[in-house]
Amino acid sequence: MGRRGRALSGWRETPDGIEIAVRVTPRSSRTEMAPGSGHAVARLNAPPVDGAANEALIELAAAHFGVAKRAVRLIAGDRARLKRLAITGDAEALAKIAAALYQAEP
């Protein structure tokens, strides 16, 4: 089956950390990260203008996973609501946090 026919999981371990899928809602009344259907949901106060929402997402993900902002990188979805982030760090510890966020077994 081709790539289009295969659903991406919400998160996966990588050799240097994890990758997560996040659905972003900009201009929200509050900034928070919550579980969603197949991906995390990030509600952000920031508007989707001049990369403000992407920067707010990186800050939120860094705080949620307990890593520095420089350890979080946007790898897909720069201008889309559904984004993929790479988070560098202890893969086992990050996987536990992701499993709790996605409500799945690590």
N, C-alpha and C. Protein backbone atom coordinates (compact mmCIF):
# COMPACT_ATOMS: atom_id res chain seq x y z
N MET A 1 0.84 -1.18 0.00
CA MET A 1 0.00 0.00 0.00
C MET A 1 0.88 1.24 0.00
N GLY A 2 0.51 2.24 -0.77
CA GLY A 2 1.29 3.46 -0.87
C GLY A 2 1.20 4.31 0.40
N ARG A 3 1.98 5.32 0.44
CA ARG A 3 2.03 6.19 1.61
C ARG A 3 0.68 6.84 1.90
N ARG A 4 -0.06 7.21 0.88
CA ARG A 4 -1.36 7.85 1.07
C ARG A 4 -2.37 6.89 1.70
N GLY A 5 -2.23 5.61 1.48
CA GLY A 5 -3.16 4.62 2.02
C GLY A 5 -2.83 4.20 3.44
N ARG A 6 -1.74 4.68 3.97
CA ARG A 6 -1.29 4.25 5.29
C ARG A 6 -1.46 5.41 6.27
N ALA A 7 -2.15 5.14 7.35
CA ALA A 7 -2.35 6.19 8.36
C ALA A 7 -1.09 6.31 9.23
N LEU A 8 -0.69 7.53 9.51
CA LEU A 8 0.44 7.76 10.40
C LEU A 8 -0.03 7.65 11.84
N SER A 9 0.78 7.03 12.68
CA SER A 9 0.41 6.96 14.09
C SER A 9 0.63 8.32 14.71
N GLY A 10 0.07 8.52 15.88
CA GLY A 10 0.20 9.79 16.57
C GLY A 10 1.61 10.11 17.00
N TRP A 11 2.39 9.08 17.31
CA TRP A 11 3.78 9.31 17.72
C TRP A 11 4.58 8.04 17.46
N ARG A 12 5.88 8.23 17.35
CA ARG A 12 6.77 7.07 17.18
C ARG A 12 8.15 7.42 17.72
N GLU A 13 8.84 6.40 18.19
CA GLU A 13 10.20 6.59 18.67
C GLU A 13 11.15 6.68 17.49
N THR A 14 12.20 7.48 17.65
CA THR A 14 13.26 7.59 16.67
C THR A 14 14.57 7.35 17.41
N PRO A 15 15.68 7.18 16.70
CA PRO A 15 16.95 6.92 17.39
C PRO A 15 17.37 8.02 18.37
N ASP A 16 16.95 9.27 18.10
CA ASP A 16 17.37 10.36 18.99
C ASP A 16 16.22 11.01 19.75
N GLY A 17 15.05 10.35 19.80
CA GLY A 17 13.92 10.90 20.54
C GLY A 17 12.60 10.35 20.04
N ILE A 18 11.65 11.25 19.74
CA ILE A 18 10.35 10.84 19.21
C ILE A 18 9.88 11.84 18.16
N GLU A 19 8.88 11.41 17.38
CA GLU A 19 8.16 12.29 16.48
C GLU A 19 6.70 12.21 16.88
N ILE A 20 6.01 13.35 16.88
CA ILE A 20 4.61 13.38 17.25
C ILE A 20 3.80 14.11 16.19
N ALA A 21 2.52 13.74 16.08
CA ALA A 21 1.57 14.43 15.21
C ALA A 21 0.71 15.31 16.10
N VAL A 22 0.52 16.55 15.68
CA VAL A 22 -0.24 17.52 16.47
C VAL A 22 -1.20 18.28 15.56
N ARG A 23 -2.43 18.40 15.99
CA ARG A 23 -3.41 19.24 15.28
C ARG A 23 -3.49 20.55 16.04
N VAL A 24 -3.24 21.65 15.34
CA VAL A 24 -3.14 22.96 15.97
C VAL A 24 -4.42 23.78 15.75
N THR A 25 -4.87 24.41 16.82
CA THR A 25 -5.96 25.36 16.75
C THR A 25 -5.42 26.71 17.21
N PRO A 26 -5.09 27.61 16.26
CA PRO A 26 -4.58 28.92 16.65
C PRO A 26 -5.70 29.83 17.13
N ARG A 27 -5.31 30.93 17.75
CA ARG A 27 -6.25 31.94 18.27
C ARG A 27 -7.26 31.33 19.24
N SER A 28 -6.81 30.40 20.04
CA SER A 28 -7.66 29.79 21.05
C SER A 28 -7.70 30.68 22.29
N SER A 29 -8.67 30.44 23.15
CA SER A 29 -8.76 31.25 24.37
C SER A 29 -7.70 30.87 25.39
N ARG A 30 -7.11 29.69 25.24
CA ARG A 30 -6.05 29.26 26.15
C ARG A 30 -5.01 28.44 25.39
N THR A 31 -3.84 28.29 25.98
CA THR A 31 -2.78 27.50 25.38
C THR A 31 -2.65 26.21 26.18
N GLU A 32 -2.85 25.07 25.49
CA GLU A 32 -2.78 23.77 26.16
C GLU A 32 -2.57 22.67 25.12
N MET A 33 -2.09 21.52 25.62
CA MET A 33 -1.94 20.34 24.79
C MET A 33 -2.82 19.26 25.40
N ALA A 34 -3.60 18.57 24.55
CA ALA A 34 -4.54 17.57 25.03
C ALA A 34 -4.58 16.40 24.05
N PRO A 35 -5.12 15.25 24.50
CA PRO A 35 -5.25 14.11 23.59
C PRO A 35 -6.27 14.40 22.49
N GLY A 36 -6.07 13.78 21.34
CA GLY A 36 -7.00 13.90 20.23
C GLY A 36 -7.20 12.55 19.58
N SER A 37 -7.87 12.51 18.47
CA SER A 37 -8.12 11.27 17.76
C SER A 37 -6.97 11.00 16.79
N GLY A 38 -6.00 10.19 17.18
CA GLY A 38 -4.87 9.86 16.32
C GLY A 38 -3.74 10.87 16.36
N HIS A 39 -3.90 11.95 17.11
CA HIS A 39 -2.88 12.98 17.22
C HIS A 39 -3.16 13.79 18.48
N ALA A 40 -2.18 14.54 18.92
CA ALA A 40 -2.39 15.45 20.04
C ALA A 40 -3.08 16.71 19.49
N VAL A 41 -3.74 17.42 20.37
CA VAL A 41 -4.39 18.68 20.01
C VAL A 41 -3.69 19.79 20.77
N ALA A 42 -3.22 20.79 20.04
CA ALA A 42 -2.58 21.96 20.66
C ALA A 42 -3.46 23.16 20.41
N ARG A 43 -3.96 23.72 21.49
CA ARG A 43 -4.73 24.97 21.40
C ARG A 43 -3.77 26.10 21.75
N LEU A 44 -3.66 27.08 20.88
CA LEU A 44 -2.67 28.14 21.04
C LEU A 44 -3.32 29.51 21.00
N ASN A 45 -2.89 30.41 21.87
CA ASN A 45 -3.35 31.80 21.83
C ASN A 45 -2.84 32.52 20.59
N ALA A 46 -1.70 32.11 20.09
CA ALA A 46 -1.02 32.81 18.99
C ALA A 46 -1.81 32.70 17.68
N PRO A 47 -1.75 33.75 16.87
CA PRO A 47 -2.39 33.70 15.56
C PRO A 47 -1.50 32.98 14.55
N PRO A 48 -2.09 32.47 13.46
CA PRO A 48 -1.29 31.78 12.44
C PRO A 48 -0.65 32.77 11.47
N VAL A 49 0.06 33.74 12.00
CA VAL A 49 0.64 34.80 11.18
C VAL A 49 2.14 34.88 11.46
N ASP A 50 2.94 34.95 10.40
CA ASP A 50 4.39 35.11 10.50
C ASP A 50 5.05 34.06 11.40
N GLY A 51 4.53 32.84 11.42
CA GLY A 51 5.14 31.76 12.20
C GLY A 51 4.88 31.83 13.70
N ALA A 52 4.01 32.73 14.14
CA ALA A 52 3.75 32.88 15.58
C ALA A 52 3.15 31.62 16.18
N ALA A 53 2.22 30.98 15.48
CA ALA A 53 1.61 29.77 16.00
C ALA A 53 2.62 28.63 16.03
N ASN A 54 3.48 28.53 15.03
CA ASN A 54 4.51 27.48 15.03
C ASN A 54 5.47 27.67 16.20
N GLU A 55 5.87 28.90 16.47
CA GLU A 55 6.76 29.18 17.60
C GLU A 55 6.08 28.86 18.92
N ALA A 56 4.80 29.21 19.04
CA ALA A 56 4.05 28.91 20.25
C ALA A 56 3.91 27.39 20.43
N LEU A 57 3.73 26.67 19.33
CA LEU A 57 3.64 25.21 19.39
C LEU A 57 4.95 24.60 19.89
N ILE A 58 6.06 25.09 19.39
CA ILE A 58 7.37 24.59 19.81
C ILE A 58 7.57 24.84 21.31
N GLU A 59 7.22 26.03 21.77
CA GLU A 59 7.33 26.35 23.20
C GLU A 59 6.44 25.44 24.04
N LEU A 60 5.20 25.23 23.59
CA LEU A 60 4.26 24.38 24.32
C LEU A 60 4.75 22.93 24.37
N ALA A 61 5.21 22.40 23.24
CA ALA A 61 5.71 21.03 23.20
C ALA A 61 6.95 20.87 24.09
N ALA A 62 7.84 21.84 24.05
CA ALA A 62 9.04 21.78 24.89
C ALA A 62 8.66 21.74 26.37
N ALA A 63 7.72 22.57 26.77
CA ALA A 63 7.27 22.59 28.16
C ALA A 63 6.57 21.28 28.53
N HIS A 64 5.72 20.78 27.64
CA HIS A 64 4.97 19.54 27.93
C HIS A 64 5.90 18.33 28.08
N PHE A 65 6.93 18.27 27.23
CA PHE A 65 7.84 17.12 27.26
C PHE A 65 9.07 17.36 28.14
N GLY A 66 9.19 18.53 28.72
CA GLY A 66 10.29 18.82 29.64
C GLY A 66 11.66 18.90 28.97
N VAL A 67 11.68 19.47 27.78
CA VAL A 67 12.95 19.63 27.05
C VAL A 67 13.13 21.10 26.69
N ALA A 68 14.33 21.46 26.26
CA ALA A 68 14.60 22.82 25.80
C ALA A 68 13.92 23.06 24.45
N LYS A 69 13.61 24.32 24.16
CA LYS A 69 12.99 24.65 22.87
C LYS A 69 13.84 24.19 21.70
N ARG A 70 15.15 24.23 21.86
CA ARG A 70 16.03 23.83 20.75
C ARG A 70 15.94 22.33 20.46
N ALA A 71 15.34 21.54 21.37
CA ALA A 71 15.18 20.10 21.17
C ALA A 71 13.91 19.76 20.39
N VAL A 72 13.09 20.76 20.09
CA VAL A 72 11.84 20.55 19.37
C VAL A 72 11.96 21.20 17.99
N ARG A 73 11.63 20.41 16.95
CA ARG A 73 11.77 20.89 15.58
C ARG A 73 10.52 20.55 14.78
N LEU A 74 10.01 21.51 14.04
CA LEU A 74 8.87 21.28 13.15
C LEU A 74 9.40 20.60 11.89
N ILE A 75 8.92 19.38 11.60
CA ILE A 75 9.44 18.65 10.44
C ILE A 75 8.43 18.54 9.30
N ALA A 76 7.16 18.82 9.58
CA ALA A 76 6.14 18.79 8.52
C ALA A 76 4.95 19.64 8.94
N GLY A 77 4.30 20.25 7.96
CA GLY A 77 3.09 21.00 8.23
C GLY A 77 3.30 22.45 8.59
N ASP A 78 4.32 23.06 8.04
CA ASP A 78 4.64 24.45 8.36
C ASP A 78 3.43 25.37 8.24
N ARG A 79 2.61 25.18 7.22
CA ARG A 79 1.44 26.04 7.00
C ARG A 79 0.12 25.28 7.14
N ALA A 80 0.16 24.08 7.70
CA ALA A 80 -1.04 23.26 7.86
C ALA A 80 -1.44 23.18 9.33
N ARG A 81 -2.67 22.77 9.57
CA ARG A 81 -3.11 22.58 10.95
C ARG A 81 -2.54 21.30 11.56
N LEU A 82 -2.36 20.27 10.73
CA LEU A 82 -1.78 19.01 11.21
C LEU A 82 -0.27 19.07 10.98
N LYS A 83 0.49 18.98 12.06
CA LYS A 83 1.94 19.14 12.00
C LYS A 83 2.63 17.93 12.61
N ARG A 84 3.90 17.73 12.25
CA ARG A 84 4.73 16.71 12.89
C ARG A 84 5.93 17.41 13.50
N LEU A 85 6.21 17.04 14.74
CA LEU A 85 7.34 17.59 15.46
C LEU A 85 8.33 16.48 15.78
N ALA A 86 9.60 16.80 15.70
CA ALA A 86 10.67 15.90 16.17
C ALA A 86 11.13 16.46 17.51
N ILE A 87 11.19 15.60 18.52
CA ILE A 87 11.63 16.01 19.85
C ILE A 87 12.84 15.17 20.20
N THR A 88 13.96 15.83 20.41
CA THR A 88 15.22 15.16 20.71
C THR A 88 15.40 15.02 22.21
N GLY A 89 15.85 13.84 22.63
CA GLY A 89 16.10 13.60 24.05
C GLY A 89 16.06 12.11 24.35
N ASP A 90 15.90 11.78 25.61
CA ASP A 90 15.82 10.39 26.06
C ASP A 90 14.55 9.77 25.49
N ALA A 91 14.70 8.90 24.50
CA ALA A 91 13.54 8.34 23.79
C ALA A 91 12.60 7.61 24.74
N GLU A 92 13.12 6.90 25.71
CA GLU A 92 12.27 6.15 26.64
C GLU A 92 11.42 7.10 27.49
N ALA A 93 12.03 8.13 28.03
CA ALA A 93 11.29 9.10 28.85
C ALA A 93 10.27 9.86 28.00
N LEU A 94 10.67 10.27 26.81
CA LEU A 94 9.75 10.98 25.93
C LEU A 94 8.59 10.08 25.50
N ALA A 95 8.87 8.79 25.28
CA ALA A 95 7.83 7.85 24.89
C ALA A 95 6.78 7.69 25.99
N LYS A 96 7.22 7.71 27.23
CA LYS A 96 6.26 7.61 28.34
C LYS A 96 5.34 8.82 28.38
N ILE A 97 5.89 10.00 28.15
CA ILE A 97 5.07 11.21 28.13
C ILE A 97 4.12 11.18 26.95
N ALA A 98 4.62 10.75 25.79
CA ALA A 98 3.77 10.65 24.59
C ALA A 98 2.67 9.64 24.80
N ALA A 99 2.98 8.50 25.41
CA ALA A 99 1.97 7.47 25.64
C ALA A 99 0.86 8.00 26.54
N ALA A 100 1.23 8.78 27.54
CA ALA A 100 0.21 9.38 28.41
C ALA A 100 -0.63 10.40 27.63
N LEU A 101 0.01 11.19 26.78
CA LEU A 101 -0.70 12.18 25.98
C LEU A 101 -1.64 11.51 24.99
N TYR A 102 -1.17 10.45 24.35
CA TYR A 102 -1.96 9.75 23.35
C TYR A 102 -2.78 8.61 23.97
N GLN A 103 -2.66 8.45 25.27
CA GLN A 103 -3.38 7.43 26.03
C GLN A 103 -3.17 6.04 25.43
N ALA A 104 -1.89 5.70 25.26
CA ALA A 104 -1.51 4.41 24.69
C ALA A 104 -0.34 3.83 25.48
N GLU A 105 -0.06 2.56 25.26
CA GLU A 105 1.08 1.90 25.90
C GLU A 105 2.36 2.32 25.19
N PRO A 106 3.46 2.60 25.96
CA PRO A 106 4.73 2.97 25.30
C PRO A 106 5.36 1.80 24.59
